[in-house]
């Protein structure tokens, strides 16, 4: 490679690096400002932007008062409800979705592909299309303001079933045949072979279920009317008043809601990427 080609390649890499930094900054700066605003007194959050400088993103005297105020009101109840509902959704959802994916991958029965096509189609339908009719059904069943109403619609995720099925298809069929020769039934094959081999996929599915439930707003708004049953996103919305708002509390609550799923995603990132990478692999 000539000196001119090396110089051109170096310039190209520099341009790519600068472009990557600019894109990363465009995503990170709003988050940094959100966290910085949560550490400022409410009357300084927006005044710090005029003029815009590095000081706009670094509070000179950080304070945790906004977090204390946010966690001392209705947001704390909503946060506890969100944690309970999200945790239950992950546990029950993994059992339901893994069982469905196992039936659609390992077991062979007539109409399996049709059922799978319906499941795939189900997660392509926008939530808003079915939310209102479904909430009316829950209301007639007397399930409003219950954890069942908040959890049940999220446990049968079509996306999660799809990902787990694709992962299960990568498990060699010979393992199933060997287990059947040893006298194992479908339940034993599912519990002792498929689940232990599918830990990355199960972790990735759990992250998807948790994130979907954690950021849910429309459905909890339709099926809850009591303040003690509100989830954290709803209580956050109630903090923003029509005439006045304590933006310090709003920023603190928003930071908490953002950091919890981010921490979970970062903690299980390796399993999540492995599950997506192997979801399209077949034997």
C-alpha atoms as a PDB file:
ATOM      1  CA  UNK A   1       0.000   0.000   0.000  1.00  0.00           C
ATOM      2  CA  UNK A   2       1.402   3.373  -1.037  1.00  0.00           C
ATOM      3  CA  UNK A   3       1.767   6.368   1.255  1.00  0.00           C
ATOM      4  CA  UNK A   4      -1.166   8.086  -0.457  1.00  0.00           C
ATOM      5  CA  UNK A   5      -3.432   5.085   0.053  1.00  0.00           C
ATOM      6  CA  UNK A   6      -2.430   4.842   3.725  1.00  0.00           C
ATOM      7  CA  UNK A   7      -3.174   8.536   4.203  1.00  0.00           C
ATOM      8  CA  UNK A   8      -6.556   8.166   2.501  1.00  0.00           C
ATOM      9  CA  UNK A   9      -7.430   5.122   4.622  1.00  0.00           C
ATOM     10  CA  UNK A  10      -6.400   6.971   7.782  1.00  0.00           C
ATOM     11  CA  UNK A  11      -8.543   9.955   6.838  1.00  0.00           C
ATOM     12  CA  UNK A  12     -11.493   7.647   6.173  1.00  0.00           C
ATOM     13  CA  UNK A  13     -11.157   6.022   9.595  1.00  0.00           C
ATOM     14  CA  UNK A  14     -10.943   9.458  11.208  1.00  0.00           C
ATOM     15  CA  UNK A  15     -14.161  10.544   9.486  1.00  0.00           C
ATOM     16  CA  UNK A  16     -15.887   7.353  10.635  1.00  0.00           C
ATOM     17  CA  UNK A  17     -14.650   7.917  14.186  1.00  0.00           C
ATOM     18  CA  UNK A  18     -15.879  11.516  14.254  1.00  0.00           C
ATOM     19  CA  UNK A  19     -19.231  10.474  12.818  1.00  0.00           C
ATOM     20  CA  UNK A  20     -19.572   7.745  15.451  1.00  0.00           C
ATOM     21  CA  UNK A  21     -18.734  10.216  18.225  1.00  0.00           C
ATOM     22  CA  UNK A  22     -21.329  12.674  16.892  1.00  0.00           C
ATOM     23  CA  UNK A  23     -24.030   9.991  16.746  1.00  0.00           C
ATOM     24  CA  UNK A  24     -23.170   8.732  20.245  1.00  0.00           C
ATOM     25  CA  UNK A  25     -23.230  12.290  21.615  1.00  0.00           C
ATOM     26  CA  UNK A  26     -26.658  12.940  20.086  1.00  0.00           C
ATOM     27  CA  UNK A  27     -28.010   9.963  22.050  1.00  0.00           C
ATOM     28  CA  UNK A  28     -26.070  10.466  25.269  1.00  0.00           C
ATOM     29  CA  UNK A  29     -26.342  14.233  25.808  1.00  0.00           C
ATOM     30  CA  UNK A  30     -30.122  14.218  26.500  1.00  0.00           C
ATOM     31  CA  UNK A  31     -29.601  11.409  29.026  1.00  0.00           C
ATOM     32  CA  UNK A  32     -26.710  13.251  30.671  1.00  0.00           C
ATOM     33  CA  UNK A  33     -28.860  16.397  30.862  1.00  0.00           C
ATOM     34  CA  UNK A  34     -31.706  14.378  32.407  1.00  0.00           C
ATOM     35  CA  UNK A  35     -29.438  12.980  35.124  1.00  0.00           C
ATOM     36  CA  UNK A  36     -27.805  16.374  35.693  1.00  0.00           C
ATOM     37  CA  UNK A  37     -31.221  18.035  35.958  1.00  0.00           C
ATOM     38  CA  UNK A  38     -32.312  15.507  38.561  1.00  0.00           C
ATOM     39  CA  UNK A  39     -29.350  16.610  40.701  1.00  0.00           C
ATOM     40  CA  UNK A  40     -30.195  20.331  40.504  1.00  0.00           C
ATOM     41  CA  UNK A  41     -32.817  22.396  42.336  1.00  0.00           C
ATOM     42  CA  UNK A  42     -35.944  22.713  40.191  1.00  0.00           C
ATOM     43  CA  UNK A  43     -35.461  26.437  39.557  1.00  0.00           C
ATOM     44  CA  UNK A  44     -32.001  25.837  38.043  1.00  0.00           C
ATOM     45  CA  UNK A  45     -32.809  23.056  35.575  1.00  0.00           C
ATOM     46  CA  UNK A  46     -33.731  25.210  32.591  1.00  0.00           C
ATOM     47  CA  UNK A  47     -31.775  28.338  33.518  1.00  0.00           C
ATOM     48  CA  UNK A  48     -28.578  26.250  33.278  1.00  0.00           C
ATOM     49  CA  UNK A  49     -29.206  25.920  29.538  1.00  0.00           C
ATOM     50  CA  UNK A  50     -28.769  29.651  28.942  1.00  0.00           C
ATOM     51  CA  UNK A  51     -26.097  29.817  27.724  1.00  0.00           C
ATOM     52  CA  UNK A  52     -25.466  26.212  26.733  1.00  0.00           C
ATOM     53  CA  UNK A  53     -22.077  25.090  28.046  1.00  0.00           C
ATOM     54  CA  UNK A  54     -20.342  22.214  29.767  1.00  0.00           C
ATOM     55  CA  UNK A  55     -21.823  23.531  33.018  1.00  0.00           C
ATOM     56  CA  UNK A  56     -25.284  22.724  31.642  1.00  0.00           C
ATOM     57  CA  UNK A  57     -24.440  19.033  32.020  1.00  0.00           C
ATOM     58  CA  UNK A  58     -22.455  19.173  35.285  1.00  0.00           C
ATOM     59  CA  UNK A  59     -24.347  20.518  38.324  1.00  0.00           C
ATOM     60  CA  UNK A  60     -22.006  22.637  40.488  1.00  0.00           C
ATOM     61  CA  UNK A  61     -23.665  21.528  43.738  1.00  0.00           C
ATOM     62  CA  UNK A  62     -25.389  18.162  43.206  1.00  0.00           C
ATOM     63  CA  UNK A  63     -28.284  17.355  45.520  1.00  0.00           C
ATOM     64  CA  UNK A  64     -30.367  14.226  46.048  1.00  0.00           C
ATOM     65  CA  UNK A  65     -33.348  16.179  47.365  1.00  0.00           C
ATOM     66  CA  UNK A  66     -35.332  15.565  44.185  1.00  0.00           C
ATOM     67  CA  UNK A  67     -34.943  11.805  44.576  1.00  0.00           C
ATOM     68  CA  UNK A  68     -36.111  11.982  48.171  1.00  0.00           C
ATOM     69  CA  UNK A  69     -39.165  13.999  47.156  1.00  0.00           C
ATOM     70  CA  UNK A  70     -39.991  11.706  44.245  1.00  0.00           C
ATOM     71  CA  UNK A  71     -39.669   8.520  46.302  1.00  0.00           C
ATOM     72  CA  UNK A  72     -41.666  10.001  49.148  1.00  0.00           C
ATOM     73  CA  UNK A  73     -44.905  10.388  47.186  1.00  0.00           C
ATOM     74  CA  UNK A  74     -47.170   8.362  44.914  1.00  0.00           C
ATOM     75  CA  UNK A  75     -44.258   7.534  42.635  1.00  0.00           C
ATOM     76  CA  UNK A  76     -42.857   5.162  45.265  1.00  0.00           C
ATOM     77  CA  UNK A  77     -46.091   3.157  45.263  1.00  0.00           C
ATOM     78  CA  UNK A  78     -46.081   3.115  41.474  1.00  0.00           C
ATOM     79  CA  UNK A  79     -42.454   1.994  41.417  1.00  0.00           C
ATOM     80  CA  UNK A  80     -43.163  -0.877  43.812  1.00  0.00           C
ATOM     81  CA  UNK A  81     -46.173  -1.908  41.720  1.00  0.00           C
ATOM     82  CA  UNK A  82     -44.073  -1.793  38.545  1.00  0.00           C
ATOM     83  CA  UNK A  83     -41.372  -3.982  40.086  1.00  0.00           C
ATOM     84  CA  UNK A  84     -43.938  -6.536  41.299  1.00  0.00           C
ATOM     85  CA  UNK A  85     -45.819  -6.605  38.000  1.00  0.00           C
ATOM     86  CA  UNK A  86     -42.659  -6.763  35.863  1.00  0.00           C
ATOM     87  CA  UNK A  87     -41.133  -9.549  37.976  1.00  0.00           C
ATOM     88  CA  UNK A  88     -44.322 -11.627  37.857  1.00  0.00           C
ATOM     89  CA  UNK A  89     -44.614 -11.030  34.120  1.00  0.00           C
ATOM     90  CA  UNK A  90     -41.077 -12.317  33.560  1.00  0.00           C
ATOM     91  CA  UNK A  91     -41.569 -15.473  35.654  1.00  0.00           C
ATOM     92  CA  UNK A  92     -45.011 -16.413  34.329  1.00  0.00           C
ATOM     93  CA  UNK A  93     -44.244 -15.191  30.817  1.00  0.00           C
ATOM     94  CA  UNK A  94     -41.112 -17.327  30.519  1.00  0.00           C
ATOM     95  CA  UNK A  95     -43.033 -20.430  31.587  1.00  0.00           C
ATOM     96  CA  UNK A  96     -45.886 -19.783  29.151  1.00  0.00           C
ATOM     97  CA  UNK A  97     -43.749 -18.671  26.203  1.00  0.00           C
ATOM     98  CA  UNK A  98     -41.139 -21.414  26.663  1.00  0.00           C
ATOM     99  CA  UNK A  99     -43.846 -24.088  26.817  1.00  0.00           C
ATOM    100  CA  UNK A 100     -45.512 -22.694  23.693  1.00  0.00           C
ATOM    101  CA  UNK A 101     -42.188 -22.456  21.848  1.00  0.00           C
ATOM    102  CA  UNK A 102     -41.350 -26.039  22.850  1.00  0.00           C
ATOM    103  CA  UNK A 103     -44.674 -27.300  21.506  1.00  0.00           C
ATOM    104  CA  UNK A 104     -44.105 -25.398  18.248  1.00  0.00           C
ATOM    105  CA  UNK A 105     -40.548 -26.653  17.744  1.00  0.00           C
ATOM    106  CA  UNK A 106     -39.944 -30.065  19.320  1.00  0.00           C
ATOM    107  CA  UNK A 107     -43.408 -31.594  19.094  1.00  0.00           C
ATOM    108  CA  UNK A 108     -44.843 -32.421  15.690  1.00  0.00           C
ATOM    109  CA  UNK A 109     -48.585 -32.127  15.265  1.00  0.00           C
ATOM    110  CA  UNK A 110     -51.022 -31.132  12.555  1.00  0.00           C
ATOM    111  CA  UNK A 111     -51.601 -27.394  12.215  1.00  0.00           C
ATOM    112  CA  UNK A 112     -48.384 -26.423  13.992  1.00  0.00           C
ATOM    113  CA  UNK A 113     -47.240 -24.053  11.256  1.00  0.00           C
ATOM    114  CA  UNK A 114     -50.658 -22.395  11.084  1.00  0.00           C
ATOM    115  CA  UNK A 115     -50.629 -21.717  14.823  1.00  0.00           C
ATOM    116  CA  UNK A 116     -47.099 -20.354  14.566  1.00  0.00           C
ATOM    117  CA  UNK A 117     -48.132 -18.028  11.726  1.00  0.00           C
ATOM    118  CA  UNK A 118     -51.011 -16.708  13.845  1.00  0.00           C
ATOM    119  CA  UNK A 119     -48.620 -16.059  16.749  1.00  0.00           C
ATOM    120  CA  UNK A 120     -46.207 -14.192  14.478  1.00  0.00           C
ATOM    121  CA  UNK A 121     -49.089 -12.137  13.114  1.00  0.00           C
ATOM    122  CA  UNK A 122     -50.253 -11.308  16.642  1.00  0.00           C
ATOM    123  CA  UNK A 123     -47.165  -9.284  17.553  1.00  0.00           C
ATOM    124  CA  UNK A 124     -47.462  -7.303  14.322  1.00  0.00           C
ATOM    125  CA  UNK A 125     -50.828  -5.876  15.434  1.00  0.00           C
ATOM    126  CA  UNK A 126     -50.479  -2.500  17.217  1.00  0.00           C
ATOM    127  CA  UNK A 127     -51.390  -2.557  20.893  1.00  0.00           C
ATOM    128  CA  UNK A 128     -53.830   0.329  20.450  1.00  0.00           C
ATOM    129  CA  UNK A 129     -56.032  -1.777  18.155  1.00  0.00           C
ATOM    130  CA  UNK A 130     -56.898  -4.362  20.811  1.00  0.00           C
ATOM    131  CA  UNK A 131     -56.302  -2.463  24.061  1.00  0.00           C
ATOM    132  CA  UNK A 132     -59.714  -0.802  24.404  1.00  0.00           C
ATOM    133  CA  UNK A 133     -61.860  -3.867  23.499  1.00  0.00           C
ATOM    134  CA  UNK A 134     -59.693  -6.067  25.727  1.00  0.00           C
ATOM    135  CA  UNK A 135     -59.957  -3.638  28.633  1.00  0.00           C
ATOM    136  CA  UNK A 136     -63.756  -3.759  28.314  1.00  0.00           C
ATOM    137  CA  UNK A 137     -63.613  -7.558  28.612  1.00  0.00           C
ATOM    138  CA  UNK A 138     -61.455  -7.293  31.733  1.00  0.00           C
ATOM    139  CA  UNK A 139     -63.842  -4.723  33.216  1.00  0.00           C
ATOM    140  CA  UNK A 140     -66.857  -7.004  32.680  1.00  0.00           C
ATOM    141  CA  UNK A 141     -64.923  -9.850  34.290  1.00  0.00           C
ATOM    142  CA  UNK A 142     -64.344  -7.691  37.369  1.00  0.00           C
ATOM    143  CA  UNK A 143     -60.566  -7.655  36.932  1.00  0.00           C
ATOM    144  CA  UNK A 144     -60.002  -3.900  36.971  1.00  0.00           C
ATOM    145  CA  UNK A 145     -57.516  -2.681  39.584  1.00  0.00           C
ATOM    146  CA  UNK A 146     -55.965  -6.134  39.977  1.00  0.00           C
ATOM    147  CA  UNK A 147     -52.477  -7.454  39.357  1.00  0.00           C
ATOM    148  CA  UNK A 148     -54.000 -10.120  37.108  1.00  0.00           C
ATOM    149  CA  UNK A 149     -55.244  -7.458  34.698  1.00  0.00           C
ATOM    150  CA  UNK A 150     -51.821  -5.815  34.631  1.00  0.00           C
ATOM    151  CA  UNK A 151     -49.862  -9.043  34.134  1.00  0.00           C
ATOM    152  CA  UNK A 152     -52.012 -11.386  32.035  1.00  0.00           C
ATOM    153  CA  UNK A 153     -51.903  -9.606  28.627  1.00  0.00           C
ATOM    154  CA  UNK A 154     -48.090  -9.514  28.686  1.00  0.00           C
ATOM    155  CA  UNK A 155     -47.293 -13.147  29.528  1.00  0.00           C
ATOM    156  CA  UNK A 156     -48.069 -14.506  26.057  1.00  0.00           C
ATOM    157  CA  UNK A 157     -45.683 -12.405  23.991  1.00  0.00           C
ATOM    158  CA  UNK A 158     -45.624 -13.402  20.327  1.00  0.00           C
ATOM    159  CA  UNK A 159     -42.145 -11.950  19.907  1.00  0.00           C
ATOM    160  CA  UNK A 160     -40.768 -14.012  22.797  1.00  0.00           C
ATOM    161  CA  UNK A 161     -42.431 -17.198  21.539  1.00  0.00           C
ATOM    162  CA  UNK A 162     -40.927 -16.564  18.111  1.00  0.00           C
ATOM    163  CA  UNK A 163     -37.396 -16.041  19.474  1.00  0.00           C
ATOM    164  CA  UNK A 164     -37.550 -19.068  21.785  1.00  0.00           C
ATOM    165  CA  UNK A 165     -38.928 -21.297  19.037  1.00  0.00           C
ATOM    166  CA  UNK A 166     -36.107 -20.322  16.697  1.00  0.00           C
ATOM    167  CA  UNK A 167     -33.602 -21.050  19.458  1.00  0.00           C
ATOM    168  CA  UNK A 168     -35.209 -24.408  20.265  1.00  0.00           C
ATOM    169  CA  UNK A 169     -34.978 -25.416  16.607  1.00  0.00           C
ATOM    170  CA  UNK A 170     -31.176 -25.227  16.921  1.00  0.00           C
ATOM    171  CA  UNK A 171     -31.175 -27.989  19.563  1.00  0.00           C
ATOM    172  CA  UNK A 172     -30.281 -31.293  17.858  1.00  0.00           C
ATOM    173  CA  UNK A 173     -33.213 -33.607  17.260  1.00  0.00           C
ATOM    174  CA  UNK A 174     -30.979 -36.509  18.270  1.00  0.00           C
ATOM    175  CA  UNK A 175     -31.143 -35.359  21.904  1.00  0.00           C
ATOM    176  CA  UNK A 176     -34.920 -35.721  21.863  1.00  0.00           C
ATOM    177  CA  UNK A 177     -34.725 -39.167  20.270  1.00  0.00           C
ATOM    178  CA  UNK A 178     -32.102 -40.335  22.772  1.00  0.00           C
ATOM    179  CA  UNK A 179     -34.219 -39.105  25.681  1.00  0.00           C
ATOM    180  CA  UNK A 180     -37.298 -40.864  24.304  1.00  0.00           C
ATOM    181  CA  UNK A 181     -35.338 -44.110  24.014  1.00  0.00           C
ATOM    182  CA  UNK A 182     -34.491 -43.744  27.713  1.00  0.00           C
ATOM    183  CA  UNK A 183     -38.194 -43.435  28.463  1.00  0.00           C
ATOM    184  CA  UNK A 184     -38.372 -39.663  28.982  1.00  0.00           C
ATOM    185  CA  UNK A 185     -41.679 -37.945  28.331  1.00  0.00           C
ATOM    186  CA  UNK A 186     -42.203 -34.515  26.813  1.00  0.00           C
ATOM    187  CA  UNK A 187     -42.280 -32.790  30.202  1.00  0.00           C
ATOM    188  CA  UNK A 188     -38.941 -34.289  31.224  1.00  0.00           C
ATOM    189  CA  UNK A 189     -37.393 -33.424  27.855  1.00  0.00           C
ATOM    190  CA  UNK A 190     -38.608 -29.857  28.234  1.00  0.00           C
ATOM    191  CA  UNK A 191     -37.399 -29.419  31.817  1.00  0.00           C
ATOM    192  CA  UNK A 192     -34.124 -31.361  31.707  1.00  0.00           C
ATOM    193  CA  UNK A 193     -32.901 -30.806  28.144  1.00  0.00           C
ATOM    194  CA  UNK A 194     -34.412 -27.744  26.486  1.00  0.00           C
ATOM    195  CA  UNK A 195     -34.497 -25.327  29.405  1.00  0.00           C
ATOM    196  CA  UNK A 196     -30.901 -25.950  30.604  1.00  0.00           C
ATOM    197  CA  UNK A 197     -29.577 -25.602  27.042  1.00  0.00           C
ATOM    198  CA  UNK A 198     -31.535 -22.407  26.433  1.00  0.00           C
ATOM    199  CA  UNK A 199     -30.277 -20.151  29.210  1.00  0.00           C
ATOM    200  CA  UNK A 200     -29.111 -17.349  26.846  1.00  0.00           C
ATOM    201  CA  UNK A 201     -32.456 -17.390  25.051  1.00  0.00           C
ATOM    202  CA  UNK A 202     -34.409 -17.411  28.313  1.00  0.00           C
ATOM    203  CA  UNK A 203     -32.416 -14.476  29.681  1.00  0.00           C
ATOM    204  CA  UNK A 204     -32.955 -12.529  26.462  1.00  0.00           C
ATOM    205  CA  UNK A 205     -36.660 -13.362  26.536  1.00  0.00           C
ATOM    206  CA  UNK A 206     -36.842 -12.233  30.149  1.00  0.00           C
ATOM    207  CA  UNK A 207     -35.270  -8.896  29.242  1.00  0.00           C
ATOM    208  CA  UNK A 208     -37.837  -8.400  26.467  1.00  0.00           C
ATOM    209  CA  UNK A 209     -40.732  -9.257  28.781  1.00  0.00           C
ATOM    210  CA  UNK A 210     -39.418  -6.994  31.531  1.00  0.00           C
ATOM    211  CA  UNK A 211     -38.851  -4.054  29.212  1.00  0.00           C
ATOM    212  CA  UNK A 212     -42.261  -4.410  27.583  1.00  0.00           C
ATOM    213  CA  UNK A 213     -44.017  -4.418  30.943  1.00  0.00           C
ATOM    214  CA  UNK A 214     -41.798  -1.737  32.489  1.00  0.00           C
ATOM    215  CA  UNK A 215     -42.574   0.861  29.834  1.00  0.00           C
ATOM    216  CA  UNK A 216     -46.261  -0.005  29.453  1.00  0.00           C
ATOM    217  CA  UNK A 217     -48.514   3.021  29.781  1.00  0.00           C
ATOM    218  CA  UNK A 218     -51.707   2.661  27.754  1.00  0.00           C
ATOM    219  CA  UNK A 219     -52.814  -0.717  29.116  1.00  0.00           C
ATOM    220  CA  UNK A 220     -52.255   0.086  32.826  1.00  0.00           C
ATOM    221  CA  UNK A 221     -54.047   3.383  32.256  1.00  0.00           C
ATOM    222  CA  UNK A 222     -57.099   1.524  30.929  1.00  0.00           C
ATOM    223  CA  UNK A 223     -57.372  -1.146  33.638  1.00  0.00           C
ATOM    224  CA  UNK A 224     -56.476   0.829  36.778  1.00  0.00           C
ATOM    225  CA  UNK A 225     -58.510   3.599  38.378  1.00  0.00           C
ATOM    226  CA  UNK A 226     -57.199   3.480  41.946  1.00  0.00           C
ATOM    227  CA  UNK A 227     -54.028   5.379  42.775  1.00  0.00           C
ATOM    228  CA  UNK A 228     -52.654   2.515  44.852  1.00  0.00           C
ATOM    229  CA  UNK A 229     -52.672   0.315  41.712  1.00  0.00           C
ATOM    230  CA  UNK A 230     -51.037   2.795  39.343  1.00  0.00           C
ATOM    231  CA  UNK A 231     -47.713   1.809  37.809  1.00  0.00           C
ATOM    232  CA  UNK A 232     -44.666   4.073  37.806  1.00  0.00           C
ATOM    233  CA  UNK A 233     -45.125   5.500  34.259  1.00  0.00           C
ATOM    234  CA  UNK A 234     -48.647   6.633  35.171  1.00  0.00           C
ATOM    235  CA  UNK A 235     -47.557   8.268  38.424  1.00  0.00           C
ATOM    236  CA  UNK A 236     -44.765   9.963  36.486  1.00  0.00           C
ATOM    237  CA  UNK A 237     -47.329  11.377  34.066  1.00  0.00           C
ATOM    238  CA  UNK A 238     -49.396  12.682  36.967  1.00  0.00           C
ATOM    239  CA  UNK A 239     -46.381  14.647  38.204  1.00  0.00           C
ATOM    240  CA  UNK A 240     -46.611  16.909  35.172  1.00  0.00           C
ATOM    241  CA  UNK A 241     -49.460  19.287  35.950  1.00  0.00           C
ATOM    242  CA  UNK A 242     -51.352  21.515  33.540  1.00  0.00           C
ATOM    243  CA  UNK A 243     -50.206  24.739  35.218  1.00  0.00           C
ATOM    244  CA  UNK A 244     -47.221  23.876  37.376  1.00  0.00           C
ATOM    245  CA  UNK A 245     -44.797  20.996  37.766  1.00  0.00           C
ATOM    246  CA  UNK A 246     -41.844  20.193  39.987  1.00  0.00           C
ATOM    247  CA  UNK A 247     -39.432  19.305  37.216  1.00  0.00           C
ATOM    248  CA  UNK A 248     -36.788  18.287  39.720  1.00  0.00           C
ATOM    249  CA  UNK A 249     -39.018  15.433  40.876  1.00  0.00           C
ATOM    250  CA  UNK A 250     -40.005  14.659  37.285  1.00  0.00           C
ATOM    251  CA  UNK A 251     -36.359  14.409  36.217  1.00  0.00           C
ATOM    252  CA  UNK A 252     -35.485  12.270  39.246  1.00  0.00           C
ATOM    253  CA  UNK A 253     -38.383   9.887  38.637  1.00  0.00           C
ATOM    254  CA  UNK A 254     -37.539   9.699  34.922  1.00  0.00           C
ATOM    255  CA  UNK A 255     -33.928   8.886  35.772  1.00  0.00           C
ATOM    256  CA  UNK A 256     -34.982   6.057  38.077  1.00  0.00           C
ATOM    257  CA  UNK A 257     -37.334   4.633  35.449  1.00  0.00           C
ATOM    258  CA  UNK A 258     -34.561   4.788  32.841  1.00  0.00           C
ATOM    259  CA  UNK A 259     -31.676   3.432  34.889  1.00  0.00           C
ATOM    260  CA  UNK A 260     -33.382   0.268  36.160  1.00  0.00           C
ATOM    261  CA  UNK A 261     -34.013  -1.342  32.727  1.00  0.00           C
ATOM    262  CA  UNK A 262     -30.678   0.005  31.452  1.00  0.00           C
ATOM    263  CA  UNK A 263     -28.856  -1.703  34.322  1.00  0.00           C
ATOM    264  CA  UNK A 264     -30.695  -4.967  33.655  1.00  0.00           C
ATOM    265  CA  UNK A 265     -29.921  -4.802  29.933  1.00  0.00           C
ATOM    266  CA  UNK A 266     -26.238  -4.091  30.538  1.00  0.00           C
ATOM    267  CA  UNK A 267     -26.014  -6.853  33.122  1.00  0.00           C
ATOM    268  CA  UNK A 268     -27.488  -9.462  30.789  1.00  0.00           C
ATOM    269  CA  UNK A 269     -26.243  -8.010  27.499  1.00  0.00           C
ATOM    270  CA  UNK A 270     -24.101 -11.033  26.632  1.00  0.00           C
ATOM    271  CA  UNK A 271     -27.001 -13.455  27.048  1.00  0.00           C
ATOM    272  CA  UNK A 272     -29.334 -11.153  25.134  1.00  0.00           C
ATOM    273  CA  UNK A 273     -27.023 -10.847  22.109  1.00  0.00           C
ATOM    274  CA  UNK A 274     -26.358 -14.606  22.160  1.00  0.00           C
ATOM    275  CA  UNK A 275     -30.086 -15.348  22.121  1.00  0.00           C
ATOM    276  CA  UNK A 276     -30.684 -13.058  19.142  1.00  0.00           C
ATOM    277  CA  UNK A 277     -27.625 -14.387  17.290  1.00  0.00           C
ATOM    278  CA  UNK A 278     -28.691 -18.025  17.667  1.00  0.00           C
ATOM    279  CA  UNK A 279     -32.417 -17.516  17.103  1.00  0.00           C
ATOM    280  CA  UNK A 280     -31.993 -18.079  13.366  1.00  0.00           C
ATOM    281  CA  UNK A 281     -29.684 -21.118  13.548  1.00  0.00           C
ATOM    282  CA  UNK A 282     -31.023 -24.542  12.703  1.00  0.00           C
ATOM    283  CA  UNK A 283     -29.503 -27.965  13.038  1.00  0.00           C
END
